Amino acid sequence: MFIDRVVVQFIAGNGGNGVIAWRREKFIPKGGPAGGDGGNGGSIILEADRSVHSLEDFRNRRILKAHNGDPGGSNNCKGKNGRDLLIKIPLGTLVKDSITQEILFDFTEQGQQWKICAGGRGGKGNTRFKTSTHQAPFFCTKGTPGEEQEVELELKLIADVGFVGMPNAGKSTLISKLAHIEVKIAPYPFTTLRPNLGLVEFDDFSRILIADIPGIIEDAHADRGLGLAFLRHIERTSTLVYLIELAPHQERDPFEEFLMLRRELEAYSPEMLQKPFLVALNKIDQEGAAELAASFKSRYTFDPSALFEISALEDINLDVFTEAMRTLAQRDSIRYI
């Protein structure tokens, strides 16, 4: 199950209590205080990990608590510190205050760590309070409680390329061909109910991460259809691919669909239209598709070198399209994983 938003309560460990103890050894009268300090409580640390793809691990774990510190012992023995709790989360996760929705931290780099809750400090044993004028203190202190925080974790995928298209445009078929992964494919709309991620590998050992976003329909920015549930997953992609279905058997204008997709992205976030993009006219193998492609190209006012006629199912022109996608996606950086 793909889960991209969850509310979690984090509780750091409490510090252990200090103790009151005395030296009781033969031939040592008035041995004095010997109470040890309590151990510190464990902290909770979040770490971004590219190998984690969703927040599924939190589906049945909404309260996570680190270990408490142990109390001090006699003979000035310090209590054992509580173990820190290291939690790995997907790269691209936002940590928000569950009430105010204030962004507390944004995980954008592999291995990035943040201590969200610090463990409590251990209490002091009575040895700590011994002075020249007070040589037999009969008191100690308790450990302090660990920090506690309820937050909302929201995942926004970080991929090199995001596929955008209407339902049943062939995005799942295309990503399965390029990344050699198995995804659900069926001849009806909204086959994809969660983003699919895949790596496209090249001969020079470079790779790009591609994301197949569930189909976008008109007014998706207003949360129609799957709407906002998945539009946020293409916010952080460096490159977009508009996948347009050439469907002669349907009364649909491919160019109008392209304009609609751009309107929806702009309504969701105007910055989306600033991303570099390619346009893939899919299903060129169908009868009558060539005429629709010609009509599309006659009205297309953007860079013609970014326009491709492909067939994901029949593997037509995928090589040249994939190379163009790699060139565009790797302008900023190359992923070596």
C-alpha atoms as a PDB file:
ATOM      1  CA  MET A   1       0.000   0.000   0.000  1.00  0.00           C
ATOM      2  CA  PHE A   2       1.287   3.469  -0.920  1.00  0.00           C
ATOM      3  CA  ILE A   3       0.791   5.917   1.944  1.00  0.00           C
ATOM      4  CA  ASP A   4       2.018   9.479   1.501  1.00  0.00           C
ATOM      5  CA  ARG A   5       0.496  11.295   4.472  1.00  0.00           C
ATOM      6  CA  VAL A   6       0.239  10.241   8.100  1.00  0.00           C
ATOM      7  CA  VAL A   7       0.036  11.795  11.573  1.00  0.00           C
ATOM      8  CA  VAL A   8       2.522  10.353  14.070  1.00  0.00           C
ATOM      9  CA  GLN A   9       3.244  11.042  17.730  1.00  0.00           C
ATOM     10  CA  PHE A  10       6.905  10.868  18.696  1.00  0.00           C
ATOM     11  CA  ILE A  11       7.918  10.501  22.353  1.00  0.00           C
ATOM     12  CA  ALA A  12      11.567  10.604  23.406  1.00  0.00           C
ATOM     13  CA  GLY A  13      12.739   8.547  26.381  1.00  0.00           C
ATOM     14  CA  ASN A  14      12.665   9.912  29.916  1.00  0.00           C
ATOM     15  CA  GLY A  15      15.861  10.402  31.851  1.00  0.00           C
ATOM     16  CA  GLY A  16      16.531   7.905  34.638  1.00  0.00           C
ATOM     17  CA  ASN A  17      16.269   9.058  38.261  1.00  0.00           C
ATOM     18  CA  GLY A  18      19.304   9.692  40.415  1.00  0.00           C
ATOM     19  CA  VAL A  19      19.471   7.632  43.617  1.00  0.00           C
ATOM     20  CA  ILE A  20      20.409   8.025  47.250  1.00  0.00           C
ATOM     21  CA  ALA A  21      23.033   5.505  48.352  1.00  0.00           C
ATOM     22  CA  TRP A  22      25.857   5.266  50.870  1.00  0.00           C
ATOM     23  CA  ARG A  23      29.220   3.598  51.067  1.00  0.00           C
ATOM     24  CA  ARG A  24      28.910   0.684  53.492  1.00  0.00           C
ATOM     25  CA  GLU A  25      32.322  -0.958  53.586  1.00  0.00           C
ATOM     26  CA  LYS A  26      34.038  -2.603  56.510  1.00  0.00           C
ATOM     27  CA  PHE A  27      36.545  -0.423  58.353  1.00  0.00           C
ATOM     28  CA  ILE A  28      35.332   2.728  56.519  1.00  0.00           C
ATOM     29  CA  PRO A  29      33.160   4.609  58.975  1.00  0.00           C
ATOM     30  CA  LYS A  30      30.989   7.372  57.609  1.00  0.00           C
ATOM     31  CA  GLY A  31      31.636   6.291  54.046  1.00  0.00           C
ATOM     32  CA  GLY A  32      29.614   9.138  52.629  1.00  0.00           C
ATOM     33  CA  PRO A  33      27.225   9.407  49.704  1.00  0.00           C
ATOM     34  CA  ALA A  34      27.523   6.987  46.773  1.00  0.00           C
ATOM     35  CA  GLY A  35      24.364   7.472  44.737  1.00  0.00           C
ATOM     36  CA  GLY A  36      24.856   7.450  40.950  1.00  0.00           C
ATOM     37  CA  ASP A  37      23.244   9.592  38.264  1.00  0.00           C
ATOM     38  CA  GLY A  38      20.431   8.354  36.056  1.00  0.00           C
ATOM     39  CA  GLY A  39      21.025   7.680  32.367  1.00  0.00           C
ATOM     40  CA  ASN A  40      19.802  10.022  29.636  1.00  0.00           C
ATOM     41  CA  GLY A  41      16.676   9.094  27.707  1.00  0.00           C
ATOM     42  CA  GLY A  42      16.911   8.056  24.072  1.00  0.00           C
ATOM     43  CA  SER A  43      16.217  10.645  21.386  1.00  0.00           C
ATOM     44  CA  ILE A  44      14.172  10.175  18.204  1.00  0.00           C
ATOM     45  CA  ILE A  45      16.052  10.845  14.962  1.00  0.00           C
ATOM     46  CA  LEU A  46      14.569  10.905  11.466  1.00  0.00           C
ATOM     47  CA  GLU A  47      16.757   9.985   8.488  1.00  0.00           C
ATOM     48  CA  ALA A  48      15.998  10.322   4.783  1.00  0.00           C
ATOM     49  CA  ASP A  49      16.543   7.091   2.866  1.00  0.00           C
ATOM     50  CA  ARG A  50      16.065   6.812  -0.911  1.00  0.00           C
ATOM     51  CA  SER A  51      15.319   3.085  -0.594  1.00  0.00           C
ATOM     52  CA  VAL A  52      12.135   3.827   1.395  1.00  0.00           C
ATOM     53  CA  HIS A  53       9.346   4.710  -1.048  1.00  0.00           C
ATOM     54  CA  SER A  54       6.303   5.408   1.133  1.00  0.00           C
ATOM     55  CA  LEU A  55       5.125   6.012   4.683  1.00  0.00           C
ATOM     56  CA  GLU A  56       3.562   2.567   4.856  1.00  0.00           C
ATOM     57  CA  ASP A  57       5.573   1.616   7.961  1.00  0.00           C
ATOM     58  CA  PHE A  58       3.594   4.182   9.950  1.00  0.00           C
ATOM     59  CA  ARG A  59       0.199   2.797   8.936  1.00  0.00           C
ATOM     60  CA  ASN A  60      -0.156   0.800  12.160  1.00  0.00           C
ATOM     61  CA  ARG A  61       2.484   2.625  14.209  1.00  0.00           C
ATOM     62  CA  ARG A  62       1.097   6.037  15.073  1.00  0.00           C
ATOM     63  CA  ILE A  63       2.916   6.361  18.424  1.00  0.00           C
ATOM     64  CA  LEU A  64       6.682   5.830  18.494  1.00  0.00           C
ATOM     65  CA  LYS A  65       8.667   6.024  21.720  1.00  0.00           C
ATOM     66  CA  ALA A  66      12.390   5.853  22.433  1.00  0.00           C
ATOM     67  CA  HIS A  67      13.844   3.976  25.408  1.00  0.00           C
ATOM     68  CA  ASN A  68      14.011   5.529  28.873  1.00  0.00           C
ATOM     69  CA  GLY A  69      17.305   5.950  30.684  1.00  0.00           C
ATOM     70  CA  ASP A  70      17.977   3.573  33.597  1.00  0.00           C
ATOM     71  CA  PRO A  71      18.110   4.884  37.179  1.00  0.00           C
ATOM     72  CA  GLY A  72      21.469   5.337  38.835  1.00  0.00           C
ATOM     73  CA  GLY A  73      22.965   2.683  41.106  1.00  0.00           C
ATOM     74  CA  SER A  74      24.956   2.475  44.263  1.00  0.00           C
ATOM     75  CA  ASN A  75      28.745   2.873  44.346  1.00  0.00           C
ATOM     76  CA  ASN A  76      28.324   5.942  42.117  1.00  0.00           C
ATOM     77  CA  CYS A  77      27.231   3.795  39.166  1.00  0.00           C
ATOM     78  CA  LYS A  78      25.597   5.806  36.397  1.00  0.00           C
ATOM     79  CA  GLY A  79      22.425   4.433  34.850  1.00  0.00           C
ATOM     80  CA  LYS A  80      22.523   3.198  31.260  1.00  0.00           C
ATOM     81  CA  ASN A  81      21.450   5.697  28.618  1.00  0.00           C
ATOM     82  CA  GLY A  82      18.325   4.879  26.654  1.00  0.00           C
ATOM     83  CA  ARG A  83      18.910   3.858  23.025  1.00  0.00           C
ATOM     84  CA  ASP A  84      18.148   6.456  20.383  1.00  0.00           C
ATOM     85  CA  LEU A  85      15.356   5.544  17.977  1.00  0.00           C
ATOM     86  CA  LEU A  86      16.484   6.028  14.355  1.00  0.00           C
ATOM     87  CA  ILE A  87      13.544   6.124  11.953  1.00  0.00           C
ATOM     88  CA  LYS A  88      14.090   6.010   8.195  1.00  0.00           C
ATOM     89  CA  ILE A  89      11.637   7.929   6.058  1.00  0.00           C
ATOM     90  CA  PRO A  90      11.374   8.486   2.292  1.00  0.00           C
ATOM     91  CA  LEU A  91      13.474  11.123   0.626  1.00  0.00           C
ATOM     92  CA  GLY A  92      11.196  14.098  -0.029  1.00  0.00           C
ATOM     93  CA  THR A  93       9.234  13.913   3.229  1.00  0.00           C
ATOM     94  CA  LEU A  94       7.947  17.106   4.816  1.00  0.00           C
ATOM     95  CA  VAL A  95       7.547  17.217   8.597  1.00  0.00           C
ATOM     96  CA  LYS A  96       4.724  19.541   9.644  1.00  0.00           C
ATOM     97  CA  ASP A  97       3.155  20.543  12.923  1.00  0.00           C
ATOM     98  CA  SER A  98      -0.070  18.537  12.993  1.00  0.00           C
ATOM     99  CA  ILE A  99      -2.104  21.524  14.214  1.00  0.00           C
ATOM    100  CA  THR A 100      -0.586  24.654  12.667  1.00  0.00           C
ATOM    101  CA  GLN A 101       0.723  22.919   9.502  1.00  0.00           C
ATOM    102  CA  GLU A 102       3.992  24.801   9.928  1.00  0.00           C
ATOM    103  CA  ILE A 103       6.838  23.072   8.074  1.00  0.00           C
ATOM    104  CA  LEU A 104       9.366  21.950  10.667  1.00  0.00           C
ATOM    105  CA  PHE A 105      11.807  20.145   8.390  1.00  0.00           C
ATOM    106  CA  ASP A 106      12.175  19.171   4.748  1.00  0.00           C
ATOM    107  CA  PHE A 107      14.169  16.057   3.848  1.00  0.00           C
ATOM    108  CA  THR A 108      15.675  16.731   0.423  1.00  0.00           C
ATOM    109  CA  GLU A 109      19.052  14.963   0.632  1.00  0.00           C
ATOM    110  CA  GLN A 110      19.996  11.301   0.967  1.00  0.00           C
ATOM    111  CA  GLY A 111      21.098  10.455   4.533  1.00  0.00           C
ATOM    112  CA  GLN A 112      19.899  13.772   5.963  1.00  0.00           C
ATOM    113  CA  GLN A 113      19.110  13.479   9.696  1.00  0.00           C
ATOM    114  CA  TRP A 114      17.084  15.543  12.142  1.00  0.00           C
ATOM    115  CA  LYS A 115      16.602  15.003  15.865  1.00  0.00           C
ATOM    116  CA  ILE A 116      12.894  15.621  16.215  1.00  0.00           C
ATOM    117  CA  CYS A 117      12.646  14.824  19.938  1.00  0.00           C
ATOM    118  CA  ALA A 118      15.520  14.978  22.416  1.00  0.00           C
ATOM    119  CA  GLY A 119      15.684  12.492  25.271  1.00  0.00           C
ATOM    120  CA  GLY A 120      15.336  13.649  28.858  1.00  0.00           C
ATOM    121  CA  ARG A 121      18.400  14.248  31.025  1.00  0.00           C
ATOM    122  CA  GLY A 122      19.230  11.816  33.766  1.00  0.00           C
ATOM    123  CA  GLY A 123      18.706  12.885  37.379  1.00  0.00           C
ATOM    124  CA  LYS A 124      21.595  13.458  39.782  1.00  0.00           C
ATOM    125  CA  GLY A 125      22.495  11.069  42.579  1.00  0.00           C
ATOM    126  CA  ASN A 126      23.173  12.312  46.083  1.00  0.00           C
ATOM    127  CA  THR A 127      26.949  12.178  45.477  1.00  0.00           C
ATOM    128  CA  ARG A 128      26.537  15.216  43.234  1.00  0.00           C
ATOM    129  CA  PHE A 129      25.385  17.318  46.177  1.00  0.00           C
ATOM    130  CA  LYS A 130      28.244  16.559  48.566  1.00  0.00           C
ATOM    131  CA  THR A 131      30.116  19.663  49.728  1.00  0.00           C
ATOM    132  CA  SER A 132      32.608  20.452  52.458  1.00  0.00           C
ATOM    133  CA  THR A 133      29.805  21.755  54.620  1.00  0.00           C
ATOM    134  CA  HIS A 134      27.171  19.208  53.619  1.00  0.00           C
ATOM    135  CA  GLN A 135      28.895  15.844  53.516  1.00  0.00           C
ATOM    136  CA  ALA A 136      25.834  13.631  53.830  1.00  0.00           C
ATOM    137  CA  PRO A 137      23.177  14.941  51.415  1.00  0.00           C
ATOM    138  CA  PHE A 138      20.013  12.915  51.672  1.00  0.00           C
ATOM    139  CA  PHE A 139      18.412  13.908  48.405  1.00  0.00           C
ATOM    140  CA  CYS A 140      18.677  13.347  44.652  1.00  0.00           C
ATOM    141  CA  THR A 141      16.846  14.563  41.557  1.00  0.00           C
ATOM    142  CA  LYS A 142      14.495  12.881  39.123  1.00  0.00           C
ATOM    143  CA  GLY A 143      15.197  12.525  35.429  1.00  0.00           C
ATOM    144  CA  THR A 144      13.496  14.983  33.099  1.00  0.00           C
ATOM    145  CA  PRO A 145      10.837  13.767  30.651  1.00  0.00           C
ATOM    146  CA  GLY A 146      11.725  13.361  26.986  1.00  0.00           C
ATOM    147  CA  GLU A 147      10.363  15.725  24.391  1.00  0.00           C
ATOM    148  CA  GLU A 148       7.057  14.819  22.776  1.00  0.00           C
ATOM    149  CA  GLN A 149       5.641  16.019  19.490  1.00  0.00           C
ATOM    150  CA  GLU A 150       2.765  15.133  17.189  1.00  0.00           C
ATOM    151  CA  VAL A 151       3.583  15.820  13.559  1.00  0.00           C
ATOM    152  CA  GLU A 152       2.230  15.169  10.097  1.00  0.00           C
ATOM    153  CA  LEU A 153       4.553  13.459   7.651  1.00  0.00           C
ATOM    154  CA  GLU A 154       3.807  14.313   4.030  1.00  0.00           C
ATOM    155  CA  LEU A 155       5.677  12.685   1.176  1.00  0.00           C
ATOM    156  CA  LYS A 156       6.441  14.572  -2.006  1.00  0.00           C
ATOM    157  CA  LEU A 157       8.382  12.299  -4.319  1.00  0.00           C
ATOM    158  CA  ILE A 158      11.732  13.482  -5.608  1.00  0.00           C
ATOM    159  CA  ALA A 159      12.179  12.108  -9.110  1.00  0.00           C
ATOM    160  CA  ASP A 160      14.070  13.267 -12.180  1.00  0.00           C
ATOM    161  CA  VAL A 161      11.099  12.891 -14.509  1.00  0.00           C
ATOM    162  CA  GLY A 162       7.379  12.973 -13.800  1.00  0.00           C
ATOM    163  CA  PHE A 163       4.854  11.594 -16.299  1.00  0.00           C
ATOM    164  CA  VAL A 164       1.687  13.675 -16.621  1.00  0.00           C
ATOM    165  CA  GLY A 165      -1.331  12.604 -18.592  1.00  0.00           C
ATOM    166  CA  MET A 166      -5.027  11.830 -18.719  1.00  0.00           C
ATOM    167  CA  PRO A 167      -6.305   8.532 -17.319  1.00  0.00           C
ATOM    168  CA  ASN A 168      -5.511   5.586 -19.590  1.00  0.00           C
ATOM    169  CA  ALA A 169      -2.984   7.576 -21.644  1.00  0.00           C
ATOM    170  CA  GLY A 170      -0.448   4.753 -21.368  1.00  0.00           C
ATOM    171  CA  LYS A 171       1.781   6.063 -18.583  1.00  0.00           C
ATOM    172  CA  SER A 172       1.915   2.722 -16.764  1.00  0.00           C
ATOM    173  CA  THR A 173       2.780   0.872 -19.974  1.00  0.00           C
ATOM    174  CA  LEU A 174       5.540   3.360 -20.744  1.00  0.00           C
ATOM    175  CA  ILE A 175       7.157   3.202 -17.306  1.00  0.00           C
ATOM    176  CA  SER A 176       7.004  -0.610 -17.361  1.00  0.00           C
ATOM    177  CA  LYS A 177       8.861  -0.595 -20.688  1.00  0.00           C
ATOM    178  CA  LEU A 178      11.494   1.954 -19.695  1.00  0.00           C
ATOM    179  CA  ALA A 179      12.181   0.797 -16.137  1.00  0.00           C
ATOM    180  CA  HIS A 180      11.435  -2.923 -16.604  1.00  0.00           C
ATOM    181  CA  ILE A 181       9.048  -3.081 -13.658  1.00  0.00           C
ATOM    182  CA  GLU A 182       5.640  -4.691 -13.283  1.00  0.00           C
ATOM    183  CA  VAL A 183       2.775  -2.239 -12.804  1.00  0.00           C
ATOM    184  CA  LYS A 184      -0.969  -2.611 -13.044  1.00  0.00           C
ATOM    185  CA  ILE A 185      -2.147  -2.095 -16.619  1.00  0.00           C
ATOM    186  CA  ALA A 186      -5.761  -2.334 -17.738  1.00  0.00           C
ATOM    187  CA  PRO A 187      -7.988  -0.843 -20.485  1.00  0.00           C
ATOM    188  CA  TYR A 188      -9.999   1.433 -18.174  1.00  0.00           C
ATOM    189  CA  PRO A 189      -9.403   4.841 -16.541  1.00  0.00           C
ATOM    190  CA  PHE A 190      -7.661   5.308 -13.191  1.00  0.00           C
ATOM    191  CA  THR A 191      -5.814   2.014 -13.379  1.00  0.00           C
ATOM    192  CA  THR A 192      -2.992   3.675 -11.439  1.00  0.00           C
ATOM    193  CA  LEU A 193      -4.109   4.550  -7.926  1.00  0.00           C
ATOM    194  CA  ARG A 194      -0.657   5.284  -6.536  1.00  0.00           C
ATOM    195  CA  PRO A 195       2.553   6.682  -8.012  1.00  0.00           C
ATOM    196  CA  ASN A 196       4.886   4.149  -9.602  1.00  0.00           C
ATOM    197  CA  LEU A 197       8.634   4.727  -9.365  1.00  0.00           C
ATOM    198  CA  GLY A 198      11.233   3.213 -11.646  1.00  0.00           C
ATOM    199  CA  LEU A 199      14.899   3.585 -12.554  1.00  0.00           C
ATOM    200  CA  VAL A 200      15.965   3.876 -16.176  1.00  0.00           C
ATOM    201  CA  GLU A 201      19.546   2.623 -16.575  1.00  0.00           C
ATOM    202  CA  PHE A 202      21.939   3.617 -19.356  1.00  0.00           C
ATOM    203  CA  ASP A 203      25.111   2.129 -20.820  1.00  0.00           C
ATOM    204  CA  ASP A 204      27.347   4.626 -18.972  1.00  0.00           C
ATOM    205  CA  PHE A 205      25.863   3.399 -15.651  1.00  0.00           C
ATOM    206  CA  SER A 206      23.959   6.622 -15.068  1.00  0.00           C
ATOM    207  CA  ARG A 207      20.337   6.370 -14.018  1.00  0.00           C
ATOM    208  CA  ILE A 208      17.300   8.602 -13.871  1.00  0.00           C
ATOM    209  CA  LEU A 209      14.354   8.111 -11.556  1.00  0.00           C
ATOM    210  CA  ILE A 210      10.966   8.382 -13.223  1.00  0.00           C
ATOM    211  CA  ALA A 211       7.557   8.688 -11.576  1.00  0.00           C
ATOM    212  CA  ASP A 212       4.222   7.710 -13.092  1.00  0.00           C
ATOM    213  CA  ILE A 213       1.551   9.946 -11.554  1.00  0.00           C
ATOM    214  CA  PRO A 214      -2.100   8.770 -11.572  1.00  0.00           C
ATOM    215  CA  GLY A 215      -4.217  10.301 -14.304  1.00  0.00           C
ATOM    216  CA  ILE A 216      -5.110  14.000 -14.136  1.00  0.00           C
ATOM    217  CA  ILE A 217      -8.546  15.198 -15.209  1.00  0.00           C
ATOM    218  CA  GLU A 218     -10.025  18.665 -15.572  1.00  0.00           C
ATOM    219  CA  ASP A 219     -10.326  20.508 -12.231  1.00  0.00           C
ATOM    220  CA  ALA A 220      -7.808  18.150 -10.609  1.00  0.00           C
ATOM    221  CA  HIS A 221      -6.305  21.205  -8.888  1.00  0.00           C
ATOM    222  CA  ALA A 222      -9.660  21.543  -7.064  1.00  0.00           C
ATOM    223  CA  ASP A 223      -9.257  17.940  -5.846  1.00  0.00           C
ATOM    224  CA  ARG A 224     -11.484  16.385  -8.472  1.00  0.00           C
ATOM    225  CA  GLY A 225     -10.695  12.773  -9.302  1.00  0.00           C
ATOM    226  CA  LEU A 226      -7.472  11.797  -7.537  1.00  0.00           C
ATOM    227  CA  GLY A 227      -6.618  15.495  -7.639  1.00  0.00           C
ATOM    228  CA  LEU A 228      -4.448  16.894  -4.886  1.00  0.00           C
ATOM    229  CA  ALA A 229      -3.688  13.421  -3.567  1.00  0.00           C
ATOM    230  CA  PHE A 230      -1.027  13.041  -6.254  1.00  0.00           C
ATOM    231  CA  LEU A 231      -0.439  16.402  -7.951  1.00  0.00           C
ATOM    232  CA  ARG A 232       2.019  17.225  -5.171  1.00  0.00           C
ATOM    233  CA  HIS A 233       4.222  14.325  -6.237  1.00  0.00           C
ATOM    234  CA  ILE A 234       5.373  16.117  -9.389  1.00  0.00           C
ATOM    235  CA  GLU A 235       6.241  19.375  -7.620  1.00  0.00           C
ATOM    236  CA  ARG A 236       9.824  18.245  -7.088  1.00  0.00           C
ATOM    237  CA  THR A 237      10.524  16.522 -10.380  1.00  0.00           C
ATOM    238  CA  SER A 238      13.127  18.360 -12.431  1.00  0.00           C
ATOM    239  CA  THR A 239      11.502  17.441 -15.761  1.00  0.00           C
ATOM    240  CA  LEU A 240       7.960  16.749 -16.940  1.00  0.00           C
ATOM    241  CA  VAL A 241       6.734  14.468 -19.698  1.00  0.00           C
ATOM    242  CA  TYR A 242       3.255  15.176 -21.043  1.00  0.00           C
ATOM    243  CA  LEU A 243       1.933  11.868 -22.316  1.00  0.00           C
ATOM    244  CA  ILE A 244      -0.891  12.467 -24.775  1.00  0.00           C
ATOM    245  CA  GLU A 245      -3.014   9.626 -26.094  1.00  0.00           C
ATOM    246  CA  LEU A 246      -3.762   9.557 -29.797  1.00  0.00           C
ATOM    247  CA  ALA A 247      -7.228   8.026 -29.743  1.00  0.00           C
ATOM    248  CA  PRO A 248      -8.942   8.106 -33.165  1.00  0.00           C
ATOM    249  CA  HIS A 249     -11.839   6.016 -31.838  1.00  0.00           C
ATOM    250  CA  GLN A 250     -12.721   8.666 -29.253  1.00  0.00           C
ATOM    251  CA  GLU A 251     -14.081  12.175 -29.718  1.00  0.00           C
ATOM    252  CA  ARG A 252     -11.116  13.804 -27.985  1.00  0.00           C
ATOM    253  CA  ASP A 253      -8.741  16.490 -29.206  1.00  0.00           C
ATOM    254  CA  PRO A 254      -5.180  15.593 -28.161  1.00  0.00           C
ATOM    255  CA  PHE A 255      -4.001  19.207 -28.340  1.00  0.00           C
ATOM    256  CA  GLU A 256      -6.850  20.406 -26.124  1.00  0.00           C
ATOM    257  CA  GLU A 257      -5.903  17.704 -23.620  1.00  0.00           C
ATOM    258  CA  PHE A 258      -2.337  19.006 -23.636  1.00  0.00           C
ATOM    259  CA  LEU A 259      -3.559  22.548 -22.936  1.00  0.00           C
ATOM    260  CA  MET A 260      -5.872  21.278 -20.200  1.00  0.00           C
ATOM    261  CA  LEU A 261      -3.016  19.478 -18.474  1.00  0.00           C
ATOM    262  CA  ARG A 262      -0.934  22.645 -18.495  1.00  0.00           C
ATOM    263  CA  ARG A 263      -3.851  24.651 -17.093  1.00  0.00           C
ATOM    264  CA  GLU A 264      -4.271  22.190 -14.244  1.00  0.00           C
ATOM    265  CA  LEU A 265      -0.590  22.310 -13.386  1.00  0.00           C
ATOM    266  CA  GLU A 266      -0.605  26.094 -13.484  1.00  0.00           C
ATOM    267  CA  ALA A 267      -3.707  26.267 -11.270  1.00  0.00           C
ATOM    268  CA  TYR A 268      -2.027  23.981  -8.768  1.00  0.00           C
ATOM    269  CA  SER A 269       1.310  25.823  -8.840  1.00  0.00           C
ATOM    270  CA  PRO A 270       2.436  28.352 -11.494  1.00  0.00           C
ATOM    271  CA  GLU A 271       6.029  27.207 -10.984  1.00  0.00           C
ATOM    272  CA  MET A 272       5.128  23.892 -12.616  1.00  0.00           C
ATOM    273  CA  LEU A 273       5.054  25.536 -16.033  1.00  0.00           C
ATOM    274  CA  GLN A 274       8.649  26.703 -15.573  1.00  0.00           C
ATOM    275  CA  LYS A 275       9.962  23.134 -15.599  1.00  0.00           C
ATOM    276  CA  PRO A 276      11.545  21.766 -18.798  1.00  0.00           C
ATOM    277  CA  PHE A 277       9.292  19.264 -20.531  1.00  0.00           C
ATOM    278  CA  LEU A 278       8.842  16.803 -23.354  1.00  0.00           C
ATOM    279  CA  VAL A 279       5.630  15.836 -25.113  1.00  0.00           C
ATOM    280  CA  ALA A 280       5.075  12.206 -26.094  1.00  0.00           C
ATOM    281  CA  LEU A 281       2.204  11.449 -28.462  1.00  0.00           C
ATOM    282  CA  ASN A 282       1.472   7.866 -27.519  1.00  0.00           C
ATOM    283  CA  LYS A 283      -0.230   5.032 -29.429  1.00  0.00           C
ATOM    284  CA  ILE A 284       1.034   6.195 -32.828  1.00  0.00           C
ATOM    285  CA  ASP A 285       0.610   2.585 -33.982  1.00  0.00           C
ATOM    286  CA  GLN A 286      -3.188   2.889 -34.037  1.00  0.00           C
ATOM    287  CA  GLU A 287      -5.054   3.436 -37.287  1.00  0.00           C
ATOM    288  CA  GLY A 288      -5.804   7.130 -37.750  1.00  0.00           C
ATOM    289  CA  ALA A 289      -3.266   8.228 -35.115  1.00  0.00           C
ATOM    290  CA  ALA A 290      -0.924   9.770 -37.702  1.00  0.00           C
ATOM    291  CA  GLU A 291      -3.615  12.299 -38.726  1.00  0.00           C
ATOM    292  CA  LEU A 292      -4.160  13.292 -35.095  1.00  0.00           C
ATOM    293  CA  ALA A 293      -0.405  13.673 -34.614  1.00  0.00           C
ATOM    294  CA  ALA A 294      -0.161  15.918 -37.693  1.00  0.00           C
ATOM    295  CA  SER A 295      -2.998  18.088 -36.396  1.00  0.00           C
ATOM    296  CA  PHE A 296      -1.302  18.326 -33.021  1.00  0.00           C
ATOM    297  CA  LYS A 297       2.040  19.383 -34.525  1.00  0.00           C
ATOM    298  CA  SER A 298       0.384  22.053 -36.684  1.00  0.00           C
ATOM    299  CA  ARG A 299      -0.947  23.771 -33.521  1.00  0.00           C
ATOM    300  CA  TYR A 300       2.065  23.107 -31.299  1.00  0.00           C
ATOM    301  CA  THR A 301       3.964  26.354 -30.654  1.00  0.00           C
ATOM    302  CA  PHE A 302       6.715  25.093 -28.367  1.00  0.00           C
ATOM    303  CA  ASP A 303      10.112  23.651 -29.279  1.00  0.00           C
ATOM    304  CA  PRO A 304       9.418  20.976 -31.936  1.00  0.00           C
ATOM    305  CA  SER A 305      12.503  19.002 -30.856  1.00  0.00           C
ATOM    306  CA  ALA A 306      10.685  18.255 -27.576  1.00  0.00           C
ATOM    307  CA  LEU A 307       7.812  16.525 -29.383  1.00  0.00           C
ATOM    308  CA  PHE A 308       7.885  12.767 -30.022  1.00  0.00           C
ATOM    309  CA  GLU A 309       5.544  10.261 -31.631  1.00  0.00           C
ATOM    310  CA  ILE A 310       5.830   6.957 -29.783  1.00  0.00           C
ATOM    311  CA  SER A 311       4.100   3.714 -29.014  1.00  0.00           C
ATOM    312  CA  ALA A 312       4.840   2.357 -25.563  1.00  0.00           C
ATOM    313  CA  LEU A 313       3.074  -0.901 -26.355  1.00  0.00           C
ATOM    314  CA  GLU A 314       4.830  -1.554 -29.680  1.00  0.00           C
ATOM    315  CA  ASP A 315       8.183  -0.018 -28.659  1.00  0.00           C
ATOM    316  CA  ILE A 316       8.137   2.589 -31.429  1.00  0.00           C
ATOM    317  CA  ASN A 317      10.640   5.492 -31.121  1.00  0.00           C
ATOM    318  CA  LEU A 318      11.258   4.741 -27.436  1.00  0.00           C
ATOM    319  CA  ASP A 319      15.052   4.839 -27.833  1.00  0.00           C
ATOM    320  CA  VAL A 320      15.204   8.377 -29.169  1.00  0.00           C
ATOM    321  CA  PHE A 321      12.559   9.537 -26.699  1.00  0.00           C
ATOM    322  CA  THR A 322      14.423   8.007 -23.742  1.00  0.00           C
ATOM    323  CA  GLU A 323      17.710   9.629 -24.799  1.00  0.00           C
ATOM    324  CA  ALA A 324      16.019  13.031 -25.036  1.00  0.00           C
ATOM    325  CA  MET A 325      14.475  12.485 -21.621  1.00  0.00           C
ATOM    326  CA  ARG A 326      17.878  11.639 -20.160  1.00  0.00           C
ATOM    327  CA  THR A 327      19.529  14.697 -21.723  1.00  0.00           C
ATOM    328  CA  LEU A 328      16.869  17.007 -20.334  1.00  0.00           C
ATOM    329  CA  ALA A 329      16.761  15.420 -16.874  1.00  0.00           C
ATOM    330  CA  GLN A 330      20.538  15.383 -16.469  1.00  0.00           C
ATOM    331  CA  ARG A 331      21.108  19.038 -17.231  1.00  0.00           C
ATOM    332  CA  ASP A 332      21.170  19.753 -13.485  1.00  0.00           C
ATOM    333  CA  SER A 333      22.553  16.517 -12.119  1.00  0.00           C
ATOM    334  CA  ILE A 334      23.183  12.834 -12.821  1.00  0.00           C
ATOM    335  CA  ARG A 335      22.032  10.185 -10.419  1.00  0.00           C
ATOM    336  CA  TYR A 336      24.490   7.466  -9.560  1.00  0.00           C
ATOM    337  CA  ILE A 337      22.827   5.107  -7.136  1.00  0.00           C
END
